[in-house]
C-alpha atoms as a PDB file:
ATOM      1  CA  MET A   1       0.287  23.112  -2.745  1.00  0.00           C
ATOM      2  CA  SER A   2       3.372  21.554  -4.380  1.00  0.00           C
ATOM      3  CA  THR A   3       4.270  22.180  -7.970  1.00  0.00           C
ATOM      4  CA  ARG A   4       5.119  19.364 -10.340  1.00  0.00           C
ATOM      5  CA  ASN A   5       7.529  20.178 -13.168  1.00  0.00           C
ATOM      6  CA  VAL A   6       8.312  17.846 -16.038  1.00  0.00           C
ATOM      7  CA  ILE A   7      12.011  17.831 -16.922  1.00  0.00           C
ATOM      8  CA  VAL A   8      13.046  17.736 -20.570  1.00  0.00           C
ATOM      9  CA  ALA A   9      16.620  16.553 -21.156  1.00  0.00           C
ATOM     10  CA  PRO A  10      17.807  17.122 -24.752  1.00  0.00           C
ATOM     11  CA  LYS A  11      21.101  15.234 -24.159  1.00  0.00           C
ATOM     12  CA  ALA A  12      19.390  12.105 -22.797  1.00  0.00           C
ATOM     13  CA  PRO A  13      17.279   9.486 -24.574  1.00  0.00           C
ATOM     14  CA  LYS A  14      13.637  10.359 -24.983  1.00  0.00           C
ATOM     15  CA  ALA A  15      11.130   8.338 -22.962  1.00  0.00           C
ATOM     16  CA  ILE A  16      10.166   5.127 -24.760  1.00  0.00           C
ATOM     17  CA  GLY A  17       6.790   4.972 -23.069  1.00  0.00           C
ATOM     18  CA  PRO A  18       4.199   7.088 -21.277  1.00  0.00           C
ATOM     19  CA  TYR A  19       6.511   8.580 -18.638  1.00  0.00           C
ATOM     20  CA  SER A  20       8.741  11.607 -18.065  1.00  0.00           C
ATOM     21  CA  VAL A  21      12.523  11.305 -17.798  1.00  0.00           C
ATOM     22  CA  ALA A  22      12.290  13.258 -14.533  1.00  0.00           C
ATOM     23  CA  ILE A  23       9.865  15.195 -12.375  1.00  0.00           C
ATOM     24  CA  GLU A  24      10.835  18.004 -10.016  1.00  0.00           C
ATOM     25  CA  THR A  25       8.729  18.829  -6.978  1.00  0.00           C
ATOM     26  CA  ASP A  26       9.586  20.715  -3.796  1.00  0.00           C
ATOM     27  CA  GLY A  27      13.295  20.793  -4.665  1.00  0.00           C
ATOM     28  CA  TYR A  28      13.548  17.053  -5.291  1.00  0.00           C
ATOM     29  CA  LEU A  29      14.151  15.357  -8.629  1.00  0.00           C
ATOM     30  CA  PHE A  30      12.710  11.938  -9.305  1.00  0.00           C
ATOM     31  CA  CYS A  31      14.573  10.508 -12.293  1.00  0.00           C
ATOM     32  CA  SER A  32      13.174   7.602 -14.263  1.00  0.00           C
ATOM     33  CA  GLY A  33      15.460   4.672 -14.889  1.00  0.00           C
ATOM     34  CA  GLN A  34      18.090   5.248 -17.547  1.00  0.00           C
ATOM     35  CA  THR A  35      19.363   2.426 -19.716  1.00  0.00           C
ATOM     36  CA  GLY A  36      22.395   2.181 -21.993  1.00  0.00           C
ATOM     37  CA  ILE A  37      20.617   3.856 -24.896  1.00  0.00           C
ATOM     38  CA  ASP A  38      22.608   6.292 -26.997  1.00  0.00           C
ATOM     39  CA  PRO A  39      20.444   9.438 -27.280  1.00  0.00           C
ATOM     40  CA  ALA A  40      21.655  10.036 -30.858  1.00  0.00           C
ATOM     41  CA  THR A  41      20.595   6.631 -32.208  1.00  0.00           C
ATOM     42  CA  GLY A  42      17.893   5.468 -29.790  1.00  0.00           C
ATOM     43  CA  GLU A  43      19.663   2.096 -29.578  1.00  0.00           C
ATOM     44  CA  LEU A  44      21.818   0.404 -26.941  1.00  0.00           C
ATOM     45  CA  VAL A  45      25.451   1.487 -27.178  1.00  0.00           C
ATOM     46  CA  SER A  46      26.609  -2.132 -26.980  1.00  0.00           C
ATOM     47  CA  ALA A  47      25.684  -5.496 -25.494  1.00  0.00           C
ATOM     48  CA  ASP A  48      28.634  -4.994 -23.123  1.00  0.00           C
ATOM     49  CA  LEU A  49      27.780  -4.332 -19.450  1.00  0.00           C
ATOM     50  CA  GLU A  50      30.594  -1.837 -18.950  1.00  0.00           C
ATOM     51  CA  ALA A  51      29.652   0.235 -22.011  1.00  0.00           C
ATOM     52  CA  GLN A  52      25.988   0.196 -21.015  1.00  0.00           C
ATOM     53  CA  THR A  53      26.775   1.184 -17.414  1.00  0.00           C
ATOM     54  CA  ARG A  54      28.845   4.169 -18.594  1.00  0.00           C
ATOM     55  CA  GLN A  55      26.037   5.239 -20.930  1.00  0.00           C
ATOM     56  CA  VAL A  56      23.408   4.782 -18.202  1.00  0.00           C
ATOM     57  CA  LEU A  57      25.320   7.051 -15.827  1.00  0.00           C
ATOM     58  CA  THR A  58      26.086   9.584 -18.559  1.00  0.00           C
ATOM     59  CA  ASN A  59      22.379   9.684 -19.450  1.00  0.00           C
ATOM     60  CA  LEU A  60      21.492  10.143 -15.772  1.00  0.00           C
ATOM     61  CA  LYS A  61      24.072  12.944 -15.479  1.00  0.00           C
ATOM     62  CA  ASN A  62      22.532  14.683 -18.494  1.00  0.00           C
ATOM     63  CA  VAL A  63      19.010  14.409 -17.055  1.00  0.00           C
ATOM     64  CA  LEU A  64      20.189  15.859 -13.737  1.00  0.00           C
ATOM     65  CA  GLU A  65      22.029  18.716 -15.432  1.00  0.00           C
ATOM     66  CA  ALA A  66      18.968  19.542 -17.561  1.00  0.00           C
ATOM     67  CA  ALA A  67      17.080  19.904 -14.274  1.00  0.00           C
ATOM     68  CA  GLY A  68      19.715  22.139 -12.674  1.00  0.00           C
ATOM     69  CA  SER A  69      21.271  19.423 -10.527  1.00  0.00           C
ATOM     70  CA  SER A  70      24.211  17.018 -10.756  1.00  0.00           C
ATOM     71  CA  LEU A  71      25.428  13.568  -9.773  1.00  0.00           C
ATOM     72  CA  ASP A  72      26.871  14.918  -6.515  1.00  0.00           C
ATOM     73  CA  ARG A  73      23.332  15.934  -5.476  1.00  0.00           C
ATOM     74  CA  VAL A  74      21.916  12.414  -5.830  1.00  0.00           C
ATOM     75  CA  VAL A  75      20.635  11.043  -2.530  1.00  0.00           C
ATOM     76  CA  LYS A  76      19.338   7.611  -3.630  1.00  0.00           C
ATOM     77  CA  THR A  77      19.738   5.294  -6.590  1.00  0.00           C
ATOM     78  CA  THR A  78      18.187   1.996  -7.502  1.00  0.00           C
ATOM     79  CA  VAL A  79      20.158  -0.273  -9.816  1.00  0.00           C
ATOM     80  CA  PHE A  80      18.371  -2.936 -11.820  1.00  0.00           C
ATOM     81  CA  ILE A  81      20.782  -5.525 -13.200  1.00  0.00           C
ATOM     82  CA  ARG A  82      20.041  -8.595 -15.264  1.00  0.00           C
ATOM     83  CA  ASP A  83      22.806 -10.763 -13.790  1.00  0.00           C
ATOM     84  CA  MET A  84      24.230 -10.322 -10.285  1.00  0.00           C
ATOM     85  CA  ALA A  85      27.450 -11.931 -11.521  1.00  0.00           C
ATOM     86  CA  ASP A  86      27.991  -8.591 -13.324  1.00  0.00           C
ATOM     87  CA  PHE A  87      27.660  -6.609 -10.079  1.00  0.00           C
ATOM     88  CA  PRO A  88      31.435  -6.131  -9.514  1.00  0.00           C
ATOM     89  CA  LYS A  89      31.908  -4.680 -13.038  1.00  0.00           C
ATOM     90  CA  MET A  90      28.902  -2.370 -12.687  1.00  0.00           C
ATOM     91  CA  ASN A  91      30.006  -1.354  -9.198  1.00  0.00           C
ATOM     92  CA  ALA A  92      33.503  -0.357 -10.359  1.00  0.00           C
ATOM     93  CA  ILE A  93      32.101   1.953 -13.047  1.00  0.00           C
ATOM     94  CA  TYR A  94      29.452   3.291 -10.669  1.00  0.00           C
ATOM     95  CA  ALA A  95      32.271   4.241  -8.252  1.00  0.00           C
ATOM     96  CA  GLU A  96      33.907   6.330 -11.021  1.00  0.00           C
ATOM     97  CA  PHE A  97      30.744   8.441 -11.310  1.00  0.00           C
ATOM     98  CA  PHE A  98      30.232   8.664  -7.516  1.00  0.00           C
ATOM     99  CA  PRO A  99      33.845   8.871  -6.248  1.00  0.00           C
ATOM    100  CA  SER A 100      33.098  10.299  -2.790  1.00  0.00           C
ATOM    101  CA  ASN A 101      30.091  10.390  -0.492  1.00  0.00           C
ATOM    102  CA  PRO A 102      28.025   8.150  -2.801  1.00  0.00           C
ATOM    103  CA  PRO A 103      24.242   8.112  -2.489  1.00  0.00           C
ATOM    104  CA  ALA A 104      22.234   5.448  -0.728  1.00  0.00           C
ATOM    105  CA  ARG A 105      21.607   2.570  -3.132  1.00  0.00           C
ATOM    106  CA  SER A 106      19.585  -0.578  -3.670  1.00  0.00           C
ATOM    107  CA  THR A 107      20.468  -3.168  -6.308  1.00  0.00           C
ATOM    108  CA  ILE A 108      17.911  -5.597  -7.661  1.00  0.00           C
ATOM    109  CA  ALA A 109      18.355  -8.499 -10.089  1.00  0.00           C
ATOM    110  CA  VAL A 110      15.685  -8.493 -12.786  1.00  0.00           C
ATOM    111  CA  ALA A 111      14.585 -10.911 -15.499  1.00  0.00           C
ATOM    112  CA  GLY A 112      14.684  -8.350 -18.295  1.00  0.00           C
ATOM    113  CA  LEU A 113      15.050  -4.680 -19.185  1.00  0.00           C
ATOM    114  CA  PRO A 114      13.833  -2.505 -22.083  1.00  0.00           C
ATOM    115  CA  LYS A 115      15.449  -3.158 -25.465  1.00  0.00           C
ATOM    116  CA  GLY A 116      17.409  -6.080 -24.002  1.00  0.00           C
ATOM    117  CA  GLY A 117      19.538  -3.888 -21.746  1.00  0.00           C
ATOM    118  CA  VAL A 118      21.617  -5.373 -18.948  1.00  0.00           C
ATOM    119  CA  VAL A 119      21.511  -2.480 -16.452  1.00  0.00           C
ATOM    120  CA  GLU A 120      19.164   0.386 -15.570  1.00  0.00           C
ATOM    121  CA  ILE A 121      19.590   3.029 -12.866  1.00  0.00           C
ATOM    122  CA  GLU A 122      17.025   5.439 -11.434  1.00  0.00           C
ATOM    123  CA  ALA A 123      17.756   8.247  -9.000  1.00  0.00           C
ATOM    124  CA  ILE A 124      16.368  10.747  -6.549  1.00  0.00           C
ATOM    125  CA  ALA A 125      18.320  13.986  -6.205  1.00  0.00           C
ATOM    126  CA  VAL A 126      18.016  17.454  -4.724  1.00  0.00           C
ATOM    127  CA  ARG A 127      18.018  20.431  -7.006  1.00  0.00           C
END
């Protein structure tokens, strides 16, 4: 039978609802969506897409590291973005965090995100 381990990530924002920031099972990490929330304040870093995207990916990196993994072990991401017109800006920053052999990815336009965020990214990684 598979084990199910809840990941606690002290350097990432705490969950703002009834969910875990990540779950590890059978060597895979399933990371909940991260938004542009600063873990120190619990608020969005800025209304700016670029600043939020950097914070999102930094938060994701911190969750992965807390679980014993890293961005280069991500196999799939899903990006939720409020405005597809912002895709090129998000994509450029995303490429900085995944400079080679990036993971598979889906991008979905959404009507709204928690706390008024403009971008959220979830990931699946190997440990």
